[in-house]
């Protein structure tokens, strides 16, 4: 199945994603901030990134922009999993390269 990287500063959210996707056969990797997520993505080359928006060190928007600059990660689907819902932020995420919200 797929290797999925979840990037969120909330351990409970990362665990929830792992509990849902792991038994379906996916390999779920975890990072607690965008900087860790960027390094994990560069080394593991996941099939999908699920990221939060608001995190310390590097937020989700910064992470998406950094991931989109990586030639080895071209075409990587990136989904925001966040409680933020305003349209301006959604448009900013789409412009940065988010695949879904």
C-alpha atoms as a PDB file:
ATOM      1  CA  UNK A   1       0.000   0.000   0.000  1.00  0.00           C
ATOM      2  CA  UNK A   2       1.013   3.675   0.327  1.00  0.00           C
ATOM      3  CA  UNK A   3       3.502   5.425   2.569  1.00  0.00           C
ATOM      4  CA  UNK A   4       1.722   8.370   4.181  1.00  0.00           C
ATOM      5  CA  UNK A   5       3.461  11.127   6.130  1.00  0.00           C
ATOM      6  CA  UNK A   6       1.356  12.898   8.729  1.00  0.00           C
ATOM      7  CA  UNK A   7       2.694  16.217  10.014  1.00  0.00           C
ATOM      8  CA  UNK A   8       0.935  17.652  13.049  1.00  0.00           C
ATOM      9  CA  UNK A   9       2.032  19.020  16.415  1.00  0.00           C
ATOM     10  CA  UNK A  10      -0.828  17.147  18.088  1.00  0.00           C
ATOM     11  CA  UNK A  11       0.191  13.606  19.084  1.00  0.00           C
ATOM     12  CA  UNK A  12      -3.482  12.599  19.297  1.00  0.00           C
ATOM     13  CA  UNK A  13      -4.165  13.665  15.691  1.00  0.00           C
ATOM     14  CA  UNK A  14      -1.090  11.798  14.450  1.00  0.00           C
ATOM     15  CA  UNK A  15      -2.177   8.729  16.406  1.00  0.00           C
ATOM     16  CA  UNK A  16      -5.735   8.948  15.049  1.00  0.00           C
ATOM     17  CA  UNK A  17      -4.441   9.030  11.478  1.00  0.00           C
ATOM     18  CA  UNK A  18      -2.190   6.050  12.184  1.00  0.00           C
ATOM     19  CA  UNK A  19      -5.055   4.098  13.786  1.00  0.00           C
ATOM     20  CA  UNK A  20      -7.283   4.720  10.770  1.00  0.00           C
ATOM     21  CA  UNK A  21      -4.775   4.246   7.947  1.00  0.00           C
ATOM     22  CA  UNK A  22      -2.379   1.676   9.428  1.00  0.00           C
ATOM     23  CA  UNK A  23      -4.852  -1.222   9.578  1.00  0.00           C
ATOM     24  CA  UNK A  24      -5.794  -0.501   5.956  1.00  0.00           C
ATOM     25  CA  UNK A  25      -2.248  -1.529   5.075  1.00  0.00           C
ATOM     26  CA  UNK A  26      -0.620   1.885   4.790  1.00  0.00           C
ATOM     27  CA  UNK A  27       2.775   2.708   6.257  1.00  0.00           C
ATOM     28  CA  UNK A  28       2.184   5.861   8.324  1.00  0.00           C
ATOM     29  CA  UNK A  29       5.171   8.056   9.195  1.00  0.00           C
ATOM     30  CA  UNK A  30       4.903  10.888  11.695  1.00  0.00           C
ATOM     31  CA  UNK A  31       6.462  14.324  12.179  1.00  0.00           C
ATOM     32  CA  UNK A  32       5.551  16.886  14.820  1.00  0.00           C
ATOM     33  CA  UNK A  33       6.339  20.068  12.873  1.00  0.00           C
ATOM     34  CA  UNK A  34       6.938  21.203   9.332  1.00  0.00           C
ATOM     35  CA  UNK A  35      10.739  21.115   9.554  1.00  0.00           C
ATOM     36  CA  UNK A  36      10.664  17.477  10.665  1.00  0.00           C
ATOM     37  CA  UNK A  37       8.061  16.774   8.001  1.00  0.00           C
ATOM     38  CA  UNK A  38      10.229  18.264   5.266  1.00  0.00           C
ATOM     39  CA  UNK A  39      13.204  16.127   6.267  1.00  0.00           C
ATOM     40  CA  UNK A  40      11.031  13.004   6.535  1.00  0.00           C
ATOM     41  CA  UNK A  41       9.513  13.652   3.103  1.00  0.00           C
ATOM     42  CA  UNK A  42      12.917  14.154   1.483  1.00  0.00           C
ATOM     43  CA  UNK A  43      14.260  10.905   2.920  1.00  0.00           C
ATOM     44  CA  UNK A  44      11.164   8.653   2.794  1.00  0.00           C
ATOM     45  CA  UNK A  45       9.565   9.942  -0.442  1.00  0.00           C
ATOM     46  CA  UNK A  46       5.973   9.321   0.765  1.00  0.00           C
ATOM     47  CA  UNK A  47       3.015   8.773  -1.529  1.00  0.00           C
ATOM     48  CA  UNK A  48       0.921  11.352   0.380  1.00  0.00           C
ATOM     49  CA  UNK A  49       1.449  14.077   2.989  1.00  0.00           C
ATOM     50  CA  UNK A  50      -1.309  15.027   5.424  1.00  0.00           C
ATOM     51  CA  UNK A  51      -0.412  18.211   7.273  1.00  0.00           C
ATOM     52  CA  UNK A  52      -1.815  20.575   9.839  1.00  0.00           C
ATOM     53  CA  UNK A  53      -1.625  24.313   9.232  1.00  0.00           C
ATOM     54  CA  UNK A  54      -0.699  25.731  12.647  1.00  0.00           C
ATOM     55  CA  UNK A  55       2.500  24.163  14.005  1.00  0.00           C
ATOM     56  CA  UNK A  56       5.692  25.399  15.641  1.00  0.00           C
ATOM     57  CA  UNK A  57       9.064  25.725  13.852  1.00  0.00           C
ATOM     58  CA  UNK A  58       7.566  25.529  10.312  1.00  0.00           C
ATOM     59  CA  UNK A  59       3.825  25.784   9.715  1.00  0.00           C
ATOM     60  CA  UNK A  60       1.903  23.785   7.134  1.00  0.00           C
ATOM     61  CA  UNK A  61       1.875  26.550   4.521  1.00  0.00           C
ATOM     62  CA  UNK A  62       5.659  26.881   4.758  1.00  0.00           C
ATOM     63  CA  UNK A  63       5.964  23.098   4.571  1.00  0.00           C
ATOM     64  CA  UNK A  64       3.923  22.920   1.370  1.00  0.00           C
ATOM     65  CA  UNK A  65       6.009  25.640  -0.259  1.00  0.00           C
ATOM     66  CA  UNK A  66       9.218  23.847   0.742  1.00  0.00           C
ATOM     67  CA  UNK A  67       7.939  20.483  -0.497  1.00  0.00           C
ATOM     68  CA  UNK A  68       6.973  21.978  -3.859  1.00  0.00           C
ATOM     69  CA  UNK A  69      10.588  23.151  -4.308  1.00  0.00           C
ATOM     70  CA  UNK A  70      11.893  19.555  -4.055  1.00  0.00           C
ATOM     71  CA  UNK A  71      12.454  18.067  -7.530  1.00  0.00           C
ATOM     72  CA  UNK A  72      12.252  14.534  -6.103  1.00  0.00           C
ATOM     73  CA  UNK A  73       8.740  15.203  -4.755  1.00  0.00           C
ATOM     74  CA  UNK A  74       7.076  16.541  -7.907  1.00  0.00           C
ATOM     75  CA  UNK A  75       3.428  15.488  -8.035  1.00  0.00           C
ATOM     76  CA  UNK A  76       3.270  14.566  -4.336  1.00  0.00           C
ATOM     77  CA  UNK A  77      -0.335  14.907  -3.094  1.00  0.00           C
ATOM     78  CA  UNK A  78      -0.531  17.184  -0.035  1.00  0.00           C
ATOM     79  CA  UNK A  79      -3.723  17.449   2.003  1.00  0.00           C
ATOM     80  CA  UNK A  80      -4.398  19.958   4.782  1.00  0.00           C
ATOM     81  CA  UNK A  81      -6.136  18.462   7.806  1.00  0.00           C
ATOM     82  CA  UNK A  82      -6.990  21.498   9.911  1.00  0.00           C
ATOM     83  CA  UNK A  83      -9.810  23.242  11.711  1.00  0.00           C
ATOM     84  CA  UNK A  84      -9.069  26.452   9.782  1.00  0.00           C
ATOM     85  CA  UNK A  85     -11.826  27.097   7.287  1.00  0.00           C
ATOM     86  CA  UNK A  86     -11.674  30.642   5.918  1.00  0.00           C
ATOM     87  CA  UNK A  87     -11.651  30.979   2.144  1.00  0.00           C
ATOM     88  CA  UNK A  88      -8.585  33.233   1.992  1.00  0.00           C
ATOM     89  CA  UNK A  89      -6.468  30.617   3.760  1.00  0.00           C
ATOM     90  CA  UNK A  90      -7.825  27.890   1.486  1.00  0.00           C
ATOM     91  CA  UNK A  91      -6.903  29.949  -1.589  1.00  0.00           C
ATOM     92  CA  UNK A  92      -3.436  30.635  -0.169  1.00  0.00           C
ATOM     93  CA  UNK A  93      -2.964  26.892   0.420  1.00  0.00           C
ATOM     94  CA  UNK A  94      -4.059  26.068  -3.113  1.00  0.00           C
ATOM     95  CA  UNK A  95      -1.679  28.675  -4.521  1.00  0.00           C
ATOM     96  CA  UNK A  96       1.139  27.199  -2.412  1.00  0.00           C
ATOM     97  CA  UNK A  97       0.479  23.770  -3.885  1.00  0.00           C
ATOM     98  CA  UNK A  98      -1.952  21.994  -1.567  1.00  0.00           C
ATOM     99  CA  UNK A  99      -3.864  19.261  -3.350  1.00  0.00           C
ATOM    100  CA  UNK A 100      -6.825  19.185  -0.973  1.00  0.00           C
ATOM    101  CA  UNK A 101      -8.279  20.553   2.261  1.00  0.00           C
END
